[in-house]
């Protein structure tokens, strides 16, 4: 999710080698090679924060270290289309990203909804303004998640299913951003951090409900990121990065390979 307004690949290869020795790897590789995979969504799928951006992707900032690319590298699907884009909202997905989908598509991944709910403005408000203003803005975002986001998600999911009727669709959620308790030099109070985490949970619950209603798999990354939140001492998320503000509150390369990749791999 882009803050525009605020201005283990190696492990997979090793696992594949071990499986190949047992005979299971050959079958898995053959199955993966037959897949046509399309990766959709916002910056959590494009890989903002992970670095190593494909220059051809421009402002979409698709990273070679993003989980879709890592999964494709490890599994060698018969085709791979990567259209996720930094800053994307639901209408960007339906209007700009669905071109590669077809009746032949077997697997789709997506993260979407955070930008619609105003993630960038929430984080900007909480970092720059008072605690009460932060909490009020979080509550406004939760109201949007209740009133408006479900229909927007329905539009995306309906469009995906119409263009790729046989695909397995994996909808991934968002991590909790902060480890709570103890001391943390993050510029936010415990109340603010708790409110932001609660908003993430609230958004994930709404996304999971809409995904389930469409027969899609929902994959929560919260378990994988537990112990790796901001303030954890082993964070897989950028805190405020004043030198590259767009990467703030996005997964690092370790967050993509250690958090998103295994979560997607388990659900694909």
C-alpha atoms as a PDB file:
ATOM      1  CA  UNK A   1       0.000   0.000   0.000  1.00  0.00           C
ATOM      2  CA  UNK A   2       1.538   3.223  -1.134  1.00  0.00           C
ATOM      3  CA  UNK A   3       2.046   6.188   1.225  1.00  0.00           C
ATOM      4  CA  UNK A   4       1.823   8.621  -1.706  1.00  0.00           C
ATOM      5  CA  UNK A   5       0.098  11.164   0.334  1.00  0.00           C
ATOM      6  CA  UNK A   6       2.696  11.044   3.088  1.00  0.00           C
ATOM      7  CA  UNK A   7       5.127  12.964   1.176  1.00  0.00           C
ATOM      8  CA  UNK A   8      13.105 -17.745   1.466  1.00  0.00           C
ATOM      9  CA  UNK A   9      13.826 -18.170  -2.180  1.00  0.00           C
ATOM     10  CA  UNK A  10      16.872 -20.287  -1.188  1.00  0.00           C
ATOM     11  CA  UNK A  11      14.774 -22.251   1.293  1.00  0.00           C
ATOM     12  CA  UNK A  12      12.260 -23.124  -1.422  1.00  0.00           C
ATOM     13  CA  UNK A  13      15.019 -24.448  -3.657  1.00  0.00           C
ATOM     14  CA  UNK A  14      16.398 -26.582  -0.827  1.00  0.00           C
ATOM     15  CA  UNK A  15      12.962 -27.979  -0.062  1.00  0.00           C
ATOM     16  CA  UNK A  16      12.442 -28.771  -3.725  1.00  0.00           C
ATOM     17  CA  UNK A  17      15.747 -30.634  -3.813  1.00  0.00           C
ATOM     18  CA  UNK A  18      14.854 -32.706  -0.775  1.00  0.00           C
ATOM     19  CA  UNK A  19      11.455 -33.581  -2.194  1.00  0.00           C
ATOM     20  CA  UNK A  20      12.990 -34.517  -5.508  1.00  0.00           C
ATOM     21  CA  UNK A  21      15.175 -37.090  -3.757  1.00  0.00           C
ATOM     22  CA  UNK A  22      12.060 -38.737  -2.349  1.00  0.00           C
ATOM     23  CA  UNK A  23      10.177 -38.654  -5.634  1.00  0.00           C
ATOM     24  CA  UNK A  24       7.614 -36.182  -4.298  1.00  0.00           C
ATOM     25  CA  UNK A  25       9.476 -33.231  -5.767  1.00  0.00           C
ATOM     26  CA  UNK A  26       9.135 -34.553  -9.302  1.00  0.00           C
ATOM     27  CA  UNK A  27       5.386 -34.793  -9.005  1.00  0.00           C
ATOM     28  CA  UNK A  28       5.138 -31.358  -7.405  1.00  0.00           C
ATOM     29  CA  UNK A  29       7.331 -29.784 -10.060  1.00  0.00           C
ATOM     30  CA  UNK A  30       5.280 -31.348 -12.816  1.00  0.00           C
ATOM     31  CA  UNK A  31       2.077 -30.091 -11.235  1.00  0.00           C
ATOM     32  CA  UNK A  32       3.469 -26.566 -10.806  1.00  0.00           C
ATOM     33  CA  UNK A  33       4.839 -26.513 -14.334  1.00  0.00           C
ATOM     34  CA  UNK A  34       1.322 -27.055 -15.646  1.00  0.00           C
ATOM     35  CA  UNK A  35      -0.008 -24.000 -13.826  1.00  0.00           C
ATOM     36  CA  UNK A  36      -0.844 -20.636 -15.355  1.00  0.00           C
ATOM     37  CA  UNK A  37      -0.369 -18.157 -12.502  1.00  0.00           C
ATOM     38  CA  UNK A  38      -1.441 -14.494 -12.321  1.00  0.00           C
ATOM     39  CA  UNK A  39      -0.446 -12.207  -9.420  1.00  0.00           C
ATOM     40  CA  UNK A  40      -2.749  -9.231  -8.809  1.00  0.00           C
ATOM     41  CA  UNK A  41      -3.095  -6.585  -6.133  1.00  0.00           C
ATOM     42  CA  UNK A  42      -1.481  -3.669  -4.356  1.00  0.00           C
ATOM     43  CA  UNK A  43       2.023  -2.927  -3.065  1.00  0.00           C
ATOM     44  CA  UNK A  44       1.997  -5.812  -0.605  1.00  0.00           C
ATOM     45  CA  UNK A  45       1.938  -8.079  -3.650  1.00  0.00           C
ATOM     46  CA  UNK A  46       4.089  -5.929  -5.925  1.00  0.00           C
ATOM     47  CA  UNK A  47       6.811  -5.951  -3.272  1.00  0.00           C
ATOM     48  CA  UNK A  48       7.207  -2.315  -2.254  1.00  0.00           C
ATOM     49  CA  UNK A  49       9.694  -2.264   0.605  1.00  0.00           C
ATOM     50  CA  UNK A  50      11.605  -5.313  -0.605  1.00  0.00           C
ATOM     51  CA  UNK A  51      13.844  -3.419  -3.031  1.00  0.00           C
ATOM     52  CA  UNK A  52      15.191  -4.832  -6.308  1.00  0.00           C
ATOM     53  CA  UNK A  53      12.407  -3.268  -8.379  1.00  0.00           C
ATOM     54  CA  UNK A  54      11.940  -4.135 -12.033  1.00  0.00           C
ATOM     55  CA  UNK A  55      12.566  -0.861 -13.868  1.00  0.00           C
ATOM     56  CA  UNK A  56      10.069  -1.889 -16.530  1.00  0.00           C
ATOM     57  CA  UNK A  57       7.299  -1.840 -13.913  1.00  0.00           C
ATOM     58  CA  UNK A  58       7.695   1.917 -13.345  1.00  0.00           C
ATOM     59  CA  UNK A  59       5.663   3.324 -10.469  1.00  0.00           C
ATOM     60  CA  UNK A  60       4.103  -0.095  -9.837  1.00  0.00           C
ATOM     61  CA  UNK A  61       7.420  -1.084  -8.219  1.00  0.00           C
ATOM     62  CA  UNK A  62       7.227  -4.806  -8.837  1.00  0.00           C
ATOM     63  CA  UNK A  63      10.098  -6.406  -6.959  1.00  0.00           C
ATOM     64  CA  UNK A  64      12.098  -9.493  -7.844  1.00  0.00           C
ATOM     65  CA  UNK A  65      11.887 -10.235  -4.104  1.00  0.00           C
ATOM     66  CA  UNK A  66       8.077 -10.085  -3.912  1.00  0.00           C
ATOM     67  CA  UNK A  67       6.329 -13.324  -2.997  1.00  0.00           C
ATOM     68  CA  UNK A  68       4.706 -13.864  -6.438  1.00  0.00           C
ATOM     69  CA  UNK A  69       8.077 -13.708  -8.185  1.00  0.00           C
ATOM     70  CA  UNK A  70       9.722 -15.897  -5.540  1.00  0.00           C
ATOM     71  CA  UNK A  71       6.970 -18.501  -5.875  1.00  0.00           C
ATOM     72  CA  UNK A  72       7.202 -18.453  -9.671  1.00  0.00           C
ATOM     73  CA  UNK A  73      10.988 -18.794  -9.556  1.00  0.00           C
ATOM     74  CA  UNK A  74      10.743 -21.788  -7.239  1.00  0.00           C
ATOM     75  CA  UNK A  75       7.869 -23.546  -9.016  1.00  0.00           C
ATOM     76  CA  UNK A  76       8.385 -22.687 -12.705  1.00  0.00           C
ATOM     77  CA  UNK A  77       4.727 -22.431 -13.748  1.00  0.00           C
ATOM     78  CA  UNK A  78       3.986 -22.723 -17.441  1.00  0.00           C
ATOM     79  CA  UNK A  79       3.079 -19.014 -17.459  1.00  0.00           C
ATOM     80  CA  UNK A  80       3.383 -16.210 -14.933  1.00  0.00           C
ATOM     81  CA  UNK A  81       1.830 -12.737 -15.223  1.00  0.00           C
ATOM     82  CA  UNK A  82       2.661 -10.156 -12.556  1.00  0.00           C
ATOM     83  CA  UNK A  83       0.347  -7.131 -12.677  1.00  0.00           C
ATOM     84  CA  UNK A  84       0.190  -6.110  -8.994  1.00  0.00           C
ATOM     85  CA  UNK A  85       0.911  -2.418  -8.587  1.00  0.00           C
ATOM     86  CA  UNK A  86       1.896  -0.065  -5.795  1.00  0.00           C
ATOM     87  CA  UNK A  87      -0.979   2.131  -4.688  1.00  0.00           C
ATOM     88  CA  UNK A  88      -3.653  -0.023  -6.311  1.00  0.00           C
ATOM     89  CA  UNK A  89      -7.250   0.213  -5.171  1.00  0.00           C
ATOM     90  CA  UNK A  90     -10.042  -2.145  -6.152  1.00  0.00           C
ATOM     91  CA  UNK A  91     -10.947  -0.202  -9.304  1.00  0.00           C
ATOM     92  CA  UNK A  92      -7.315  -0.365 -10.429  1.00  0.00           C
ATOM     93  CA  UNK A  93      -7.464  -4.140 -10.269  1.00  0.00           C
ATOM     94  CA  UNK A  94     -10.638  -4.363 -12.325  1.00  0.00           C
ATOM     95  CA  UNK A  95      -9.576  -1.647 -14.752  1.00  0.00           C
ATOM     96  CA  UNK A  96      -5.879  -2.367 -15.279  1.00  0.00           C
ATOM     97  CA  UNK A  97      -4.744  -5.735 -13.934  1.00  0.00           C
ATOM     98  CA  UNK A  98      -7.055  -8.461 -15.210  1.00  0.00           C
ATOM     99  CA  UNK A  99      -5.818  -8.672 -18.801  1.00  0.00           C
ATOM    100  CA  UNK A 100      -3.755 -11.860 -18.320  1.00  0.00           C
ATOM    101  CA  UNK A 101      -6.676 -13.785 -16.794  1.00  0.00           C
ATOM    102  CA  UNK A 102      -8.422 -16.353 -18.960  1.00  0.00           C
ATOM    103  CA  UNK A 103     -10.229 -19.674 -18.807  1.00  0.00           C
ATOM    104  CA  UNK A 104      -6.763 -21.272 -18.800  1.00  0.00           C
ATOM    105  CA  UNK A 105      -5.666 -19.512 -15.608  1.00  0.00           C
ATOM    106  CA  UNK A 106      -5.140 -22.012 -12.796  1.00  0.00           C
ATOM    107  CA  UNK A 107      -3.905 -19.869  -9.904  1.00  0.00           C
ATOM    108  CA  UNK A 108      -4.460 -16.249  -8.845  1.00  0.00           C
ATOM    109  CA  UNK A 109      -3.065 -14.375  -5.849  1.00  0.00           C
ATOM    110  CA  UNK A 110      -4.167 -10.951  -4.625  1.00  0.00           C
ATOM    111  CA  UNK A 111      -3.867  -8.448  -1.789  1.00  0.00           C
ATOM    112  CA  UNK A 112      -6.337  -5.570  -2.068  1.00  0.00           C
ATOM    113  CA  UNK A 113      -8.521  -3.348   0.103  1.00  0.00           C
ATOM    114  CA  UNK A 114      -6.040  -1.488   2.266  1.00  0.00           C
ATOM    115  CA  UNK A 115      -5.743   1.522   0.001  1.00  0.00           C
ATOM    116  CA  UNK A 116      -9.515   1.711  -0.451  1.00  0.00           C
ATOM    117  CA  UNK A 117      -9.859   1.851   3.327  1.00  0.00           C
ATOM    118  CA  UNK A 118      -7.433   4.776   3.507  1.00  0.00           C
ATOM    119  CA  UNK A 119      -4.356   3.070   4.891  1.00  0.00           C
ATOM    120  CA  UNK A 120      -1.985   5.825   3.766  1.00  0.00           C
ATOM    121  CA  UNK A 121      -4.031   8.572   5.377  1.00  0.00           C
ATOM    122  CA  UNK A 122      -4.493   6.583   8.588  1.00  0.00           C
ATOM    123  CA  UNK A 123      -0.755   6.131   8.996  1.00  0.00           C
ATOM    124  CA  UNK A 124      -0.025   9.749   8.070  1.00  0.00           C
ATOM    125  CA  UNK A 125      -2.577  10.969  10.598  1.00  0.00           C
ATOM    126  CA  UNK A 126      -1.277   8.743  13.362  1.00  0.00           C
ATOM    127  CA  UNK A 127       2.354   9.689  12.820  1.00  0.00           C
ATOM    128  CA  UNK A 128       1.807  13.451  12.504  1.00  0.00           C
ATOM    129  CA  UNK A 129      -1.195  14.227  14.693  1.00  0.00           C
ATOM    130  CA  UNK A 130      -2.517  13.617  18.186  1.00  0.00           C
ATOM    131  CA  UNK A 131      -3.462  10.314  19.727  1.00  0.00           C
ATOM    132  CA  UNK A 132      -7.164  11.159  19.744  1.00  0.00           C
ATOM    133  CA  UNK A 133      -7.055  12.249  16.104  1.00  0.00           C
ATOM    134  CA  UNK A 134      -5.296   9.014  15.207  1.00  0.00           C
ATOM    135  CA  UNK A 135      -7.918   6.882  16.957  1.00  0.00           C
ATOM    136  CA  UNK A 136     -10.739   8.853  15.330  1.00  0.00           C
ATOM    137  CA  UNK A 137      -9.188   8.347  11.876  1.00  0.00           C
ATOM    138  CA  UNK A 138      -8.819   4.623  12.526  1.00  0.00           C
ATOM    139  CA  UNK A 139     -12.502   4.459  13.456  1.00  0.00           C
ATOM    140  CA  UNK A 140     -13.417   6.281  10.245  1.00  0.00           C
ATOM    141  CA  UNK A 141     -11.478   3.699   8.260  1.00  0.00           C
ATOM    142  CA  UNK A 142     -13.293   0.892  10.065  1.00  0.00           C
ATOM    143  CA  UNK A 143     -16.582   2.543   9.181  1.00  0.00           C
ATOM    144  CA  UNK A 144     -15.557   2.507   5.509  1.00  0.00           C
ATOM    145  CA  UNK A 145     -14.689  -1.176   5.816  1.00  0.00           C
ATOM    146  CA  UNK A 146     -18.246  -1.789   7.047  1.00  0.00           C
ATOM    147  CA  UNK A 147     -20.139   0.459   4.654  1.00  0.00           C
ATOM    148  CA  UNK A 148     -18.298   0.551   1.342  1.00  0.00           C
ATOM    149  CA  UNK A 149     -15.443  -1.919   1.037  1.00  0.00           C
ATOM    150  CA  UNK A 150     -17.531  -5.130   0.812  1.00  0.00           C
ATOM    151  CA  UNK A 151     -19.169  -4.052  -2.444  1.00  0.00           C
ATOM    152  CA  UNK A 152     -15.810  -3.006  -3.878  1.00  0.00           C
ATOM    153  CA  UNK A 153     -14.290  -6.353  -3.006  1.00  0.00           C
ATOM    154  CA  UNK A 154     -17.297  -8.117  -4.516  1.00  0.00           C
ATOM    155  CA  UNK A 155     -16.709  -6.267  -7.776  1.00  0.00           C
ATOM    156  CA  UNK A 156     -13.075  -7.404  -7.876  1.00  0.00           C
ATOM    157  CA  UNK A 157     -13.816 -10.993  -6.953  1.00  0.00           C
ATOM    158  CA  UNK A 158     -16.711 -11.234  -9.420  1.00  0.00           C
ATOM    159  CA  UNK A 159     -14.485  -9.895 -12.197  1.00  0.00           C
ATOM    160  CA  UNK A 160     -11.726 -12.381 -11.387  1.00  0.00           C
ATOM    161  CA  UNK A 161     -14.137 -15.301 -11.389  1.00  0.00           C
ATOM    162  CA  UNK A 162     -15.757 -14.184 -14.657  1.00  0.00           C
ATOM    163  CA  UNK A 163     -12.408 -14.073 -16.454  1.00  0.00           C
ATOM    164  CA  UNK A 164     -10.823 -17.088 -14.755  1.00  0.00           C
ATOM    165  CA  UNK A 165     -13.694 -19.457 -13.942  1.00  0.00           C
ATOM    166  CA  UNK A 166     -11.500 -22.458 -13.093  1.00  0.00           C
ATOM    167  CA  UNK A 167      -8.732 -20.714 -11.140  1.00  0.00           C
ATOM    168  CA  UNK A 168      -7.873 -21.259  -7.513  1.00  0.00           C
ATOM    169  CA  UNK A 169      -7.879 -17.748  -6.051  1.00  0.00           C
ATOM    170  CA  UNK A 170      -5.809 -17.050  -2.951  1.00  0.00           C
ATOM    171  CA  UNK A 171      -6.595 -13.778  -1.178  1.00  0.00           C
ATOM    172  CA  UNK A 172      -3.840 -12.806   1.238  1.00  0.00           C
ATOM    173  CA  UNK A 173      -4.347 -10.454   4.158  1.00  0.00           C
ATOM    174  CA  UNK A 174      -2.204  -7.826   5.858  1.00  0.00           C
ATOM    175  CA  UNK A 175       0.053  -8.202   8.911  1.00  0.00           C
ATOM    176  CA  UNK A 176      -0.375  -6.569  12.272  1.00  0.00           C
ATOM    177  CA  UNK A 177       2.091  -3.719  12.282  1.00  0.00           C
ATOM    178  CA  UNK A 178       3.219  -3.435  15.886  1.00  0.00           C
ATOM    179  CA  UNK A 179       4.306  -5.680  18.678  1.00  0.00           C
ATOM    180  CA  UNK A 180       2.569  -4.341  21.774  1.00  0.00           C
ATOM    181  CA  UNK A 181       3.921  -3.965  25.284  1.00  0.00           C
ATOM    182  CA  UNK A 182       7.341  -2.881  26.447  1.00  0.00           C
ATOM    183  CA  UNK A 183       9.297   0.051  25.113  1.00  0.00           C
ATOM    184  CA  UNK A 184       9.342   0.943  21.452  1.00  0.00           C
ATOM    185  CA  UNK A 185      10.926   3.858  19.653  1.00  0.00           C
ATOM    186  CA  UNK A 186       8.318   4.122  16.926  1.00  0.00           C
ATOM    187  CA  UNK A 187       6.893   7.593  17.467  1.00  0.00           C
ATOM    188  CA  UNK A 188       3.454   6.255  18.397  1.00  0.00           C
ATOM    189  CA  UNK A 189       1.821   5.589  21.732  1.00  0.00           C
ATOM    190  CA  UNK A 190       0.694   2.152  22.856  1.00  0.00           C
ATOM    191  CA  UNK A 191      -2.902   3.307  22.326  1.00  0.00           C
ATOM    192  CA  UNK A 192      -2.165   4.318  18.752  1.00  0.00           C
ATOM    193  CA  UNK A 193      -0.303   1.093  17.998  1.00  0.00           C
ATOM    194  CA  UNK A 194      -3.142  -0.938  19.445  1.00  0.00           C
ATOM    195  CA  UNK A 195      -5.696   0.986  17.362  1.00  0.00           C
ATOM    196  CA  UNK A 196      -3.706   0.415  14.159  1.00  0.00           C
ATOM    197  CA  UNK A 197      -3.353  -3.305  14.877  1.00  0.00           C
ATOM    198  CA  UNK A 198      -7.062  -3.496  15.573  1.00  0.00           C
ATOM    199  CA  UNK A 199      -7.817  -1.818  12.260  1.00  0.00           C
ATOM    200  CA  UNK A 200      -5.637  -4.343  10.447  1.00  0.00           C
ATOM    201  CA  UNK A 201      -7.522  -7.206  12.109  1.00  0.00           C
ATOM    202  CA  UNK A 202     -10.806  -5.527  11.212  1.00  0.00           C
ATOM    203  CA  UNK A 203      -9.804  -5.179   7.571  1.00  0.00           C
ATOM    204  CA  UNK A 204      -8.562  -8.763   7.410  1.00  0.00           C
ATOM    205  CA  UNK A 205     -11.842 -10.067   8.811  1.00  0.00           C
ATOM    206  CA  UNK A 206     -13.827  -8.180   6.185  1.00  0.00           C
ATOM    207  CA  UNK A 207     -11.586  -9.354   3.349  1.00  0.00           C
ATOM    208  CA  UNK A 208     -11.721 -12.946   4.592  1.00  0.00           C
ATOM    209  CA  UNK A 209     -15.533 -12.854   4.723  1.00  0.00           C
ATOM    210  CA  UNK A 210     -15.872 -11.578   1.170  1.00  0.00           C
ATOM    211  CA  UNK A 211     -13.274 -14.066  -0.096  1.00  0.00           C
ATOM    212  CA  UNK A 212     -15.105 -16.975   1.547  1.00  0.00           C
ATOM    213  CA  UNK A 213     -18.440 -15.852   0.124  1.00  0.00           C
ATOM    214  CA  UNK A 214     -16.910 -16.064  -3.353  1.00  0.00           C
ATOM    215  CA  UNK A 215     -15.368 -19.471  -2.758  1.00  0.00           C
ATOM    216  CA  UNK A 216     -11.827 -18.077  -2.606  1.00  0.00           C
ATOM    217  CA  UNK A 217      -9.135 -19.096  -0.130  1.00  0.00           C
ATOM    218  CA  UNK A 218      -8.114 -16.503   2.438  1.00  0.00           C
ATOM    219  CA  UNK A 219      -4.558 -16.752   3.751  1.00  0.00           C
ATOM    220  CA  UNK A 220      -3.710 -14.767   6.890  1.00  0.00           C
ATOM    221  CA  UNK A 221      -0.112 -13.610   7.195  1.00  0.00           C
ATOM    222  CA  UNK A 222      -0.568 -12.612  10.845  1.00  0.00           C
ATOM    223  CA  UNK A 223       0.828 -15.908  12.215  1.00  0.00           C
ATOM    224  CA  UNK A 224       3.914 -15.709   9.992  1.00  0.00           C
ATOM    225  CA  UNK A 225       4.619 -12.106  11.030  1.00  0.00           C
ATOM    226  CA  UNK A 226       4.073 -12.705  14.748  1.00  0.00           C
ATOM    227  CA  UNK A 227       7.369 -11.900  16.430  1.00  0.00           C
ATOM    228  CA  UNK A 228       8.450  -9.862  13.414  1.00  0.00           C
ATOM    229  CA  UNK A 229       6.263  -6.760  13.818  1.00  0.00           C
ATOM    230  CA  UNK A 230       7.640  -3.248  14.213  1.00  0.00           C
ATOM    231  CA  UNK A 231       9.022  -2.961  17.788  1.00  0.00           C
ATOM    232  CA  UNK A 232       9.822  -6.680  17.893  1.00  0.00           C
ATOM    233  CA  UNK A 233      13.572  -6.308  17.475  1.00  0.00           C
ATOM    234  CA  UNK A 234      13.382  -8.591  14.433  1.00  0.00           C
ATOM    235  CA  UNK A 235      10.983  -6.625  12.273  1.00  0.00           C
ATOM    236  CA  UNK A 236       9.930  -7.770   8.802  1.00  0.00           C
ATOM    237  CA  UNK A 237       8.164  -4.432   8.289  1.00  0.00           C
ATOM    238  CA  UNK A 238       9.598  -0.986   7.693  1.00  0.00           C
ATOM    239  CA  UNK A 239       8.677   1.648  10.244  1.00  0.00           C
ATOM    240  CA  UNK A 240       8.600   5.274   9.076  1.00  0.00           C
ATOM    241  CA  UNK A 241      11.404   5.676   6.553  1.00  0.00           C
ATOM    242  CA  UNK A 242      11.979   9.390   6.127  1.00  0.00           C
ATOM    243  CA  UNK A 243      14.474   8.786   3.304  1.00  0.00           C
ATOM    244  CA  UNK A 244      12.037   6.631   1.311  1.00  0.00           C
ATOM    245  CA  UNK A 245       8.599   7.357   2.658  1.00  0.00           C
ATOM    246  CA  UNK A 246       6.835   5.094   0.172  1.00  0.00           C
ATOM    247  CA  UNK A 247       8.415   2.018   1.750  1.00  0.00           C
ATOM    248  CA  UNK A 248       7.123   2.855   5.236  1.00  0.00           C
ATOM    249  CA  UNK A 249       4.884   0.182   6.768  1.00  0.00           C
ATOM    250  CA  UNK A 250       5.629  -2.308   3.998  1.00  0.00           C
ATOM    251  CA  UNK A 251       7.263  -5.728   4.297  1.00  0.00           C
ATOM    252  CA  UNK A 252      11.006  -5.954   3.893  1.00  0.00           C
ATOM    253  CA  UNK A 253      12.549  -8.590   1.629  1.00  0.00           C
ATOM    254  CA  UNK A 254      12.558 -10.877   4.694  1.00  0.00           C
ATOM    255  CA  UNK A 255       8.851 -10.168   5.179  1.00  0.00           C
ATOM    256  CA  UNK A 256       8.143 -11.228   1.611  1.00  0.00           C
ATOM    257  CA  UNK A 257      10.265 -14.386   1.732  1.00  0.00           C
ATOM    258  CA  UNK A 258       9.609 -15.354   5.343  1.00  0.00           C
ATOM    259  CA  UNK A 259       6.037 -14.100   5.765  1.00  0.00           C
ATOM    260  CA  UNK A 260       4.117 -13.837   2.515  1.00  0.00           C
ATOM    261  CA  UNK A 261       5.824 -16.575   0.487  1.00  0.00           C
ATOM    262  CA  UNK A 262       5.267 -19.505   2.873  1.00  0.00           C
ATOM    263  CA  UNK A 263       1.726 -18.317   3.599  1.00  0.00           C
ATOM    264  CA  UNK A 264       0.911 -18.256  -0.102  1.00  0.00           C
ATOM    265  CA  UNK A 265       2.712 -21.527  -0.741  1.00  0.00           C
ATOM    266  CA  UNK A 266       0.589 -23.262   1.895  1.00  0.00           C
ATOM    267  CA  UNK A 267      -2.633 -21.969   0.352  1.00  0.00           C
ATOM    268  CA  UNK A 268      -1.823 -22.276  -3.369  1.00  0.00           C
END
